[in-house]
């Protein structure tokens, strides 16, 4: 009589195979995730620099067109996003100047706030930074700075405050 040899088939992975895959995925995550973190930090810094460049240029244009006058911090968004007359009155339909920024002020990429706070003194000091608004604004000069505390690593490896951009 012949006996049939039954071959056993596997239905899944062994514990060792699963552990090897988990270890490989962990190594990949450990090498890739720091790169995404650095990219996110760089993107925020570049967005902040661009937003500051736009705001400063538009405030300078406003100042040029309104006989060296700058808007108050309370009215900065309104004056930059609507049409105005030479005497700085808002005239949405027939103002001669503006709008300088379409829609609304850009948010500060570090705290996502669009609001503006008047600086306590001119020029804006680092002691004004409290992270409660998006921007710090000097009503005397029209300068604007991010209302964000914290440090950045510069391209040469040195530390720089976000406020100093």
N, C-alpha and C. Protein backbone atom coordinates (compact mmCIF):
# COMPACT_ATOMS: atom_id res chain seq x y z
N UNK A 1 0.82 -1.16 0.00
CA UNK A 1 0.00 0.00 0.00
C UNK A 1 0.88 1.24 0.00
N UNK A 2 0.44 2.14 -0.74
CA UNK A 2 1.19 3.39 -0.85
C UNK A 2 0.60 4.45 0.07
N UNK A 3 1.47 5.16 0.63
CA UNK A 3 0.99 6.26 1.46
C UNK A 3 1.20 7.57 0.71
N UNK A 4 0.23 8.37 0.76
CA UNK A 4 0.31 9.66 0.08
C UNK A 4 1.02 10.68 0.97
N UNK A 5 1.91 11.37 0.37
CA UNK A 5 2.62 12.42 1.11
C UNK A 5 1.86 13.72 0.91
N UNK A 6 1.42 14.22 2.00
CA UNK A 6 0.67 15.47 1.96
C UNK A 6 1.63 16.62 2.25
N UNK A 7 1.69 17.53 1.32
CA UNK A 7 2.57 18.69 1.50
C UNK A 7 1.79 19.80 2.20
N UNK A 8 2.38 20.29 3.24
CA UNK A 8 1.74 21.33 4.03
C UNK A 8 2.02 22.70 3.38
N UNK A 9 0.98 23.49 3.15
CA UNK A 9 1.17 24.82 2.58
C UNK A 9 1.05 25.87 3.68
N UNK A 10 1.84 26.93 3.51
CA UNK A 10 1.81 27.99 4.51
C UNK A 10 0.69 28.96 4.17
N UNK A 11 0.05 29.47 5.20
CA UNK A 11 -1.05 30.39 5.00
C UNK A 11 -0.69 31.83 5.35
N UNK A 12 0.48 32.08 5.90
CA UNK A 12 0.83 33.44 6.31
C UNK A 12 2.32 33.60 6.46
N UNK A 13 2.71 34.72 7.08
CA UNK A 13 4.12 35.02 7.29
C UNK A 13 4.53 34.56 8.68
N UNK A 14 5.80 34.24 8.79
CA UNK A 14 6.31 33.87 10.11
C UNK A 14 6.58 35.13 10.92
N UNK A 15 6.72 34.94 12.19
CA UNK A 15 6.98 36.07 13.08
C UNK A 15 8.30 36.76 12.72
N UNK A 16 9.29 36.00 12.35
CA UNK A 16 10.59 36.57 11.99
C UNK A 16 10.46 37.45 10.74
N UNK A 17 9.71 37.02 9.75
CA UNK A 17 9.52 37.81 8.54
C UNK A 17 8.82 39.13 8.84
N UNK A 18 7.81 39.08 9.67
CA UNK A 18 7.07 40.29 10.04
C UNK A 18 7.99 41.26 10.80
N UNK A 19 8.78 40.75 11.72
CA UNK A 19 9.70 41.59 12.48
C UNK A 19 10.75 42.25 11.58
N UNK A 20 11.24 41.53 10.59
CA UNK A 20 12.23 42.10 9.66
C UNK A 20 11.60 43.26 8.88
N UNK A 21 10.37 43.09 8.42
CA UNK A 21 9.69 44.16 7.68
C UNK A 21 9.48 45.38 8.58
N UNK A 22 9.07 45.16 9.83
CA UNK A 22 8.85 46.26 10.76
C UNK A 22 10.16 47.01 11.02
N UNK A 23 11.25 46.30 11.18
CA UNK A 23 12.55 46.94 11.42
C UNK A 23 12.96 47.77 10.21
N UNK A 24 12.78 47.24 9.01
CA UNK A 24 13.14 47.97 7.79
C UNK A 24 12.29 49.24 7.67
N UNK A 25 11.00 49.15 7.93
CA UNK A 25 10.13 50.33 7.88
C UNK A 25 10.54 51.37 8.92
N UNK A 26 10.92 50.92 10.10
CA UNK A 26 11.39 51.84 11.15
C UNK A 26 12.65 52.58 10.74
N UNK A 27 13.58 51.88 10.10
CA UNK A 27 14.82 52.51 9.64
C UNK A 27 14.50 53.54 8.56
N UNK A 28 13.62 53.20 7.63
CA UNK A 28 13.23 54.14 6.58
C UNK A 28 12.56 55.39 7.17
N UNK A 29 11.67 55.18 8.12
CA UNK A 29 10.99 56.32 8.75
C UNK A 29 11.99 57.21 9.48
N UNK A 30 12.95 56.61 10.15
CA UNK A 30 13.94 57.38 10.90
C UNK A 30 14.82 58.22 9.99
N UNK A 31 15.03 57.78 8.77
CA UNK A 31 15.87 58.56 7.85
C UNK A 31 15.07 59.59 7.06
N UNK A 32 13.80 59.33 6.81
CA UNK A 32 13.00 60.21 5.95
C UNK A 32 12.30 61.32 6.74
N UNK A 33 11.76 61.04 7.91
CA UNK A 33 10.98 62.03 8.66
C UNK A 33 11.75 63.30 9.01
N UNK A 34 13.01 63.23 9.42
CA UNK A 34 13.72 64.48 9.68
C UNK A 34 13.84 65.39 8.46
N UNK A 35 13.90 64.81 7.27
CA UNK A 35 13.97 65.61 6.05
C UNK A 35 12.67 66.37 5.84
N UNK A 36 11.52 65.75 6.15
CA UNK A 36 10.24 66.44 6.02
C UNK A 36 10.12 67.56 7.03
N UNK A 37 10.63 67.36 8.23
CA UNK A 37 10.59 68.39 9.26
C UNK A 37 11.41 69.60 8.84
N UNK A 38 12.59 69.36 8.29
CA UNK A 38 13.44 70.45 7.82
C UNK A 38 12.78 71.18 6.66
N UNK A 39 12.13 70.44 5.78
CA UNK A 39 11.45 71.07 4.64
C UNK A 39 10.31 71.96 5.12
N UNK A 40 9.57 71.51 6.11
CA UNK A 40 8.45 72.29 6.66
C UNK A 40 8.97 73.58 7.28
N UNK A 41 10.05 73.49 8.01
CA UNK A 41 10.66 74.67 8.64
C UNK A 41 11.14 75.66 7.57
N UNK A 42 11.78 75.14 6.53
CA UNK A 42 12.26 76.01 5.45
C UNK A 42 11.09 76.66 4.70
N UNK A 43 10.02 75.91 4.50
CA UNK A 43 8.85 76.46 3.79
C UNK A 43 8.23 77.60 4.59
N UNK A 44 8.12 77.43 5.90
CA UNK A 44 7.57 78.50 6.74
C UNK A 44 8.45 79.75 6.69
N UNK A 45 9.76 79.54 6.75
CA UNK A 45 10.67 80.68 6.71
C UNK A 45 10.57 81.42 5.38
N UNK A 46 10.52 80.68 4.28
CA UNK A 46 10.42 81.31 2.96
C UNK A 46 9.09 82.02 2.79
N UNK A 47 8.01 81.41 3.28
CA UNK A 47 6.69 82.05 3.19
C UNK A 47 6.68 83.34 4.01
N UNK A 48 7.27 83.31 5.20
CA UNK A 48 7.32 84.50 6.04
C UNK A 48 8.12 85.61 5.36
N UNK A 49 9.27 85.27 4.79
CA UNK A 49 10.08 86.28 4.10
C UNK A 49 9.31 86.89 2.93
N UNK A 50 8.59 86.06 2.19
CA UNK A 50 7.83 86.57 1.05
C UNK A 50 6.68 87.46 1.52
N UNK A 51 5.97 87.03 2.57
CA UNK A 51 4.87 87.85 3.10
C UNK A 51 5.36 89.19 3.60
N UNK A 52 6.50 89.19 4.29
CA UNK A 52 7.08 90.45 4.78
C UNK A 52 7.47 91.35 3.61
N UNK A 53 8.05 90.76 2.57
CA UNK A 53 8.44 91.55 1.41
C UNK A 53 7.22 92.21 0.77
N UNK A 54 6.14 91.45 0.63
CA UNK A 54 4.91 92.00 0.03
C UNK A 54 4.32 93.09 0.90
N UNK A 55 4.17 92.82 2.20
CA UNK A 55 3.59 93.82 3.11
C UNK A 55 4.42 95.10 3.13
N UNK A 56 5.73 94.95 3.24
CA UNK A 56 6.59 96.13 3.30
C UNK A 56 6.53 96.93 2.00
N UNK A 57 6.52 96.24 0.87
CA UNK A 57 6.44 96.94 -0.42
C UNK A 57 5.11 97.67 -0.57
N UNK A 58 4.02 97.03 -0.14
CA UNK A 58 2.71 97.66 -0.29
C UNK A 58 2.53 98.83 0.67
N UNK A 59 3.07 98.71 1.87
CA UNK A 59 3.01 99.85 2.81
C UNK A 59 3.85 101.01 2.27
N UNK A 60 5.00 100.70 1.68
CA UNK A 60 5.83 101.75 1.07
C UNK A 60 5.09 102.43 -0.08
N UNK A 61 4.40 101.65 -0.90
CA UNK A 61 3.62 102.23 -2.00
C UNK A 61 2.50 103.11 -1.45
N UNK A 62 1.81 102.62 -0.41
CA UNK A 62 0.75 103.40 0.23
C UNK A 62 1.31 104.73 0.73
N UNK A 63 2.44 104.63 1.42
CA UNK A 63 3.08 105.83 1.99
C UNK A 63 3.45 106.82 0.88
N UNK A 64 3.96 106.32 -0.23
CA UNK A 64 4.35 107.17 -1.35
C UNK A 64 3.12 107.87 -1.94
N UNK A 65 2.03 107.14 -2.08
CA UNK A 65 0.83 107.70 -2.71
C UNK A 65 0.00 108.58 -1.78
N UNK A 66 0.25 108.52 -0.49
CA UNK A 66 -0.54 109.29 0.48
C UNK A 66 0.31 110.31 1.22
N UNK A 67 1.23 110.95 0.51
CA UNK A 67 2.04 112.04 1.06
C UNK A 67 2.79 111.66 2.33
N UNK A 68 3.44 110.51 2.31
CA UNK A 68 4.27 109.99 3.42
C UNK A 68 3.48 109.61 4.66
N UNK A 69 2.17 109.48 4.56
CA UNK A 69 1.35 109.03 5.70
C UNK A 69 1.18 107.53 5.62
N UNK A 70 1.20 106.90 6.79
CA UNK A 70 0.95 105.46 6.85
C UNK A 70 -0.33 105.22 7.65
N UNK A 71 -1.03 104.13 7.37
CA UNK A 71 -2.25 103.86 8.13
C UNK A 71 -1.93 103.45 9.56
N UNK A 72 -2.92 103.60 10.42
CA UNK A 72 -2.75 103.13 11.81
C UNK A 72 -2.81 101.61 11.83
N UNK A 73 -2.34 101.02 12.90
CA UNK A 73 -2.36 99.56 13.03
C UNK A 73 -3.79 99.04 12.99
N UNK A 74 -4.71 99.77 13.63
CA UNK A 74 -6.12 99.34 13.68
C UNK A 74 -6.75 99.32 12.29
N UNK A 75 -6.29 100.19 11.41
CA UNK A 75 -6.89 100.30 10.08
C UNK A 75 -5.99 99.77 8.96
N UNK A 76 -4.89 99.14 9.31
CA UNK A 76 -3.94 98.69 8.30
C UNK A 76 -4.58 97.77 7.27
N UNK A 77 -5.29 96.74 7.72
CA UNK A 77 -5.89 95.81 6.77
C UNK A 77 -6.91 96.52 5.88
N UNK A 78 -7.75 97.33 6.48
CA UNK A 78 -8.77 98.05 5.69
C UNK A 78 -8.12 98.96 4.65
N UNK A 79 -7.10 99.69 5.03
CA UNK A 79 -6.48 100.64 4.11
C UNK A 79 -5.71 99.94 2.99
N UNK A 80 -5.15 98.76 3.28
CA UNK A 80 -4.39 98.06 2.25
C UNK A 80 -5.26 97.21 1.33
N UNK A 81 -6.47 96.86 1.77
CA UNK A 81 -7.30 95.96 0.97
C UNK A 81 -8.46 96.66 0.25
N UNK A 82 -8.62 97.96 0.47
CA UNK A 82 -9.68 98.70 -0.23
C UNK A 82 -9.08 99.93 -0.91
N UNK A 83 -9.86 100.55 -1.75
CA UNK A 83 -9.41 101.76 -2.44
C UNK A 83 -9.49 102.95 -1.48
N UNK A 84 -8.54 103.86 -1.63
CA UNK A 84 -8.50 105.04 -0.76
C UNK A 84 -8.27 106.30 -1.59
N UNK A 85 -8.60 107.42 -0.99
CA UNK A 85 -8.32 108.73 -1.59
C UNK A 85 -7.02 109.27 -0.99
N UNK A 86 -6.56 110.37 -1.52
CA UNK A 86 -5.31 110.98 -1.06
C UNK A 86 -5.33 111.28 0.43
N UNK A 87 -6.48 111.68 0.96
CA UNK A 87 -6.58 112.02 2.39
C UNK A 87 -6.76 110.79 3.28
N UNK A 88 -6.56 109.60 2.74
CA UNK A 88 -6.62 108.31 3.42
C UNK A 88 -8.04 107.83 3.73
N UNK A 89 -9.05 108.50 3.23
CA UNK A 89 -10.40 107.99 3.45
C UNK A 89 -10.65 106.81 2.54
N UNK A 90 -11.34 105.82 3.10
CA UNK A 90 -11.66 104.63 2.33
C UNK A 90 -12.82 104.94 1.40
N UNK A 91 -12.64 104.58 0.14
CA UNK A 91 -13.65 104.82 -0.87
C UNK A 91 -13.66 103.60 -1.78
N UNK A 92 -14.45 102.59 -1.40
CA UNK A 92 -14.42 101.30 -2.07
C UNK A 92 -14.75 101.37 -3.56
N UNK A 93 -15.55 102.34 -3.97
CA UNK A 93 -15.95 102.38 -5.37
C UNK A 93 -15.15 103.36 -6.21
N UNK A 94 -14.76 104.48 -5.65
CA UNK A 94 -14.12 105.48 -6.48
C UNK A 94 -12.78 105.98 -6.01
N UNK A 95 -12.17 105.32 -5.05
CA UNK A 95 -10.88 105.78 -4.55
C UNK A 95 -9.83 105.72 -5.63
N UNK A 96 -8.92 106.65 -5.59
CA UNK A 96 -7.90 106.76 -6.61
C UNK A 96 -6.77 105.74 -6.42
N UNK A 97 -6.51 105.34 -5.19
CA UNK A 97 -5.36 104.48 -4.89
C UNK A 97 -5.78 103.13 -4.33
N UNK A 98 -4.94 102.15 -4.58
CA UNK A 98 -5.19 100.81 -4.02
C UNK A 98 -6.17 100.01 -4.83
N UNK A 99 -6.59 98.88 -4.36
CA UNK A 99 -6.10 98.20 -3.16
C UNK A 99 -4.67 97.71 -3.34
N UNK A 100 -3.96 97.60 -2.27
CA UNK A 100 -2.56 97.21 -2.29
C UNK A 100 -2.38 95.72 -2.06
N UNK A 101 -3.28 95.13 -1.30
CA UNK A 101 -3.30 93.70 -1.05
C UNK A 101 -4.70 93.23 -1.40
N UNK A 102 -4.80 92.20 -2.20
CA UNK A 102 -6.10 91.68 -2.62
C UNK A 102 -6.67 90.77 -1.53
N UNK A 103 -7.92 91.05 -1.12
CA UNK A 103 -8.61 90.19 -0.15
C UNK A 103 -8.33 90.54 1.29
N UNK A 104 -7.24 90.01 1.81
CA UNK A 104 -6.91 90.22 3.23
C UNK A 104 -5.41 90.13 3.41
N UNK A 105 -4.95 90.54 4.58
CA UNK A 105 -3.52 90.45 4.87
C UNK A 105 -3.11 88.97 4.92
N UNK A 106 -1.89 88.67 4.53
CA UNK A 106 -1.45 87.27 4.61
C UNK A 106 -1.26 86.86 6.07
N UNK A 107 -1.51 85.59 6.38
CA UNK A 107 -1.27 85.14 7.75
C UNK A 107 0.21 84.92 8.01
N UNK A 108 0.61 85.12 9.24
CA UNK A 108 1.96 84.79 9.65
C UNK A 108 2.06 83.26 9.63
N UNK A 109 2.96 82.66 8.85
CA UNK A 109 2.99 81.20 8.75
C UNK A 109 3.37 80.47 10.03
N UNK A 110 3.92 81.18 11.00
CA UNK A 110 4.31 80.52 12.25
C UNK A 110 3.17 80.42 13.25
N UNK A 111 2.20 81.35 13.20
CA UNK A 111 1.09 81.27 14.15
C UNK A 111 -0.27 81.37 13.47
N UNK A 112 -0.29 81.47 12.14
CA UNK A 112 -1.52 81.50 11.33
C UNK A 112 -2.45 82.66 11.65
N UNK A 113 -1.93 83.73 12.22
CA UNK A 113 -2.75 84.89 12.56
C UNK A 113 -2.52 86.02 11.56
N UNK A 114 -3.59 86.74 11.23
CA UNK A 114 -3.53 87.85 10.26
C UNK A 114 -3.64 89.20 10.95
N UNK A 115 -3.87 89.20 12.23
CA UNK A 115 -4.13 90.44 12.96
C UNK A 115 -2.85 91.26 13.13
N UNK A 116 -3.05 92.55 13.39
CA UNK A 116 -1.93 93.49 13.49
C UNK A 116 -1.95 94.14 14.87
N UNK A 117 -0.77 94.24 15.48
CA UNK A 117 -0.63 94.90 16.78
C UNK A 117 0.32 96.08 16.63
N UNK A 118 -0.07 97.21 17.19
CA UNK A 118 0.78 98.40 17.18
C UNK A 118 1.96 98.16 18.12
N UNK A 119 3.16 98.50 17.65
CA UNK A 119 4.33 98.36 18.50
C UNK A 119 4.31 99.41 19.60
N UNK A 120 4.91 99.08 20.72
CA UNK A 120 4.90 99.99 21.87
C UNK A 120 5.79 101.21 21.61
N UNK A 121 6.82 101.03 20.81
CA UNK A 121 7.75 102.13 20.54
C UNK A 121 8.27 102.01 19.11
N UNK A 122 8.91 103.08 18.67
CA UNK A 122 9.50 103.06 17.34
C UNK A 122 11.01 103.16 17.51
N UNK A 123 11.79 102.30 16.94
CA UNK A 123 11.44 101.17 16.10
C UNK A 123 10.89 99.99 16.91
N UNK A 124 10.33 99.02 16.20
CA UNK A 124 9.75 97.85 16.84
C UNK A 124 10.85 97.11 17.60
N UNK A 125 10.59 96.79 18.86
CA UNK A 125 11.57 96.09 19.69
C UNK A 125 11.18 94.63 19.88
N UNK A 126 12.17 93.80 20.11
CA UNK A 126 11.91 92.38 20.33
C UNK A 126 11.04 92.15 21.57
N UNK A 127 11.02 93.11 22.48
CA UNK A 127 10.20 92.97 23.68
C UNK A 127 8.70 93.09 23.36
N UNK A 128 8.35 93.59 22.17
CA UNK A 128 6.95 93.67 21.76
C UNK A 128 6.38 92.30 21.37
N UNK A 129 7.24 91.35 21.05
CA UNK A 129 6.80 90.04 20.57
C UNK A 129 6.08 89.30 21.69
N UNK A 130 4.82 88.90 21.41
CA UNK A 130 4.06 88.13 22.40
C UNK A 130 3.23 87.01 21.76
N UNK A 131 3.36 86.80 20.46
CA UNK A 131 2.67 85.73 19.72
C UNK A 131 1.15 85.82 19.76
N UNK A 132 0.58 86.98 20.09
CA UNK A 132 -0.88 87.09 20.16
C UNK A 132 -1.50 87.58 18.86
N UNK A 133 -0.69 88.15 17.98
CA UNK A 133 -1.17 88.61 16.68
C UNK A 133 -0.20 88.11 15.62
N UNK A 134 -0.58 88.29 14.37
CA UNK A 134 0.31 87.85 13.30
C UNK A 134 1.47 88.80 13.05
N UNK A 135 1.18 90.10 13.17
CA UNK A 135 2.17 91.09 12.77
C UNK A 135 2.31 92.20 13.80
N UNK A 136 3.51 92.75 13.92
CA UNK A 136 3.78 93.95 14.70
C UNK A 136 3.98 95.09 13.72
N UNK A 137 3.41 96.25 14.03
CA UNK A 137 3.42 97.35 13.08
C UNK A 137 3.84 98.63 13.77
N UNK A 138 4.75 99.34 13.14
CA UNK A 138 5.24 100.63 13.65
C UNK A 138 4.49 101.73 12.91
N UNK A 139 3.59 102.42 13.60
CA UNK A 139 2.77 103.46 12.97
C UNK A 139 3.58 104.69 12.57
N UNK A 140 4.74 104.87 13.15
CA UNK A 140 5.56 106.04 12.82
C UNK A 140 6.29 105.85 11.49
N UNK A 141 6.76 104.64 11.24
CA UNK A 141 7.58 104.39 10.04
C UNK A 141 6.88 103.52 9.00
N UNK A 142 5.88 102.75 9.42
CA UNK A 142 5.23 101.81 8.51
C UNK A 142 5.95 100.48 8.44
N UNK A 143 6.93 100.25 9.31
CA UNK A 143 7.64 98.97 9.32
C UNK A 143 6.74 97.87 9.89
N UNK A 144 6.91 96.68 9.40
CA UNK A 144 6.14 95.54 9.87
C UNK A 144 7.10 94.38 10.14
N UNK A 145 6.83 93.66 11.22
CA UNK A 145 7.65 92.50 11.61
C UNK A 145 6.74 91.37 12.06
N UNK A 146 7.23 90.15 12.02
CA UNK A 146 6.41 89.03 12.51
C UNK A 146 6.31 89.06 14.03
N UNK A 147 5.12 88.82 14.54
CA UNK A 147 4.93 88.74 16.00
C UNK A 147 5.08 87.28 16.40
N UNK A 148 6.31 86.80 16.28
CA UNK A 148 6.60 85.40 16.51
C UNK A 148 7.91 85.27 17.25
N UNK A 149 7.89 84.55 18.36
CA UNK A 149 9.14 84.28 19.07
C UNK A 149 9.72 82.98 18.55
N UNK A 150 10.96 82.77 18.81
CA UNK A 150 11.61 81.54 18.37
C UNK A 150 12.83 81.85 17.53
N UNK A 151 13.59 80.80 17.24
CA UNK A 151 14.83 80.94 16.50
C UNK A 151 14.77 80.19 15.18
N UNK A 152 15.60 80.64 14.25
CA UNK A 152 15.80 79.98 12.97
C UNK A 152 17.27 79.63 12.85
N UNK A 153 17.57 78.56 12.14
CA UNK A 153 18.95 78.25 11.82
C UNK A 153 19.22 78.83 10.45
N UNK A 154 20.16 79.76 10.39
CA UNK A 154 20.50 80.42 9.14
C UNK A 154 21.26 79.45 8.24
N UNK A 155 21.44 79.81 6.98
CA UNK A 155 22.12 78.93 6.02
C UNK A 155 23.57 78.66 6.43
N UNK A 156 24.18 79.58 7.18
CA UNK A 156 25.55 79.35 7.63
C UNK A 156 25.61 78.61 8.97
N UNK A 157 24.45 78.20 9.48
CA UNK A 157 24.39 77.43 10.72
C UNK A 157 24.21 78.25 11.97
N UNK A 158 24.19 79.57 11.85
CA UNK A 158 24.02 80.42 13.02
C UNK A 158 22.54 80.58 13.37
N UNK A 159 22.26 80.84 14.64
CA UNK A 159 20.89 81.04 15.09
C UNK A 159 20.47 82.50 14.88
N UNK A 160 19.25 82.67 14.44
CA UNK A 160 18.70 84.00 14.22
C UNK A 160 17.27 83.99 14.71
N UNK A 161 16.82 85.09 15.31
CA UNK A 161 15.43 85.15 15.77
C UNK A 161 14.49 85.40 14.59
N UNK A 162 13.31 84.77 14.64
CA UNK A 162 12.31 84.94 13.60
C UNK A 162 11.95 86.43 13.49
N UNK A 163 11.87 87.10 14.62
CA UNK A 163 11.54 88.52 14.68
C UNK A 163 12.46 89.37 13.82
N UNK A 164 13.72 88.96 13.66
CA UNK A 164 14.71 89.76 12.96
C UNK A 164 14.66 89.65 11.44
N UNK A 165 13.72 88.91 10.91
CA UNK A 165 13.63 88.78 9.44
C UNK A 165 13.17 90.08 8.83
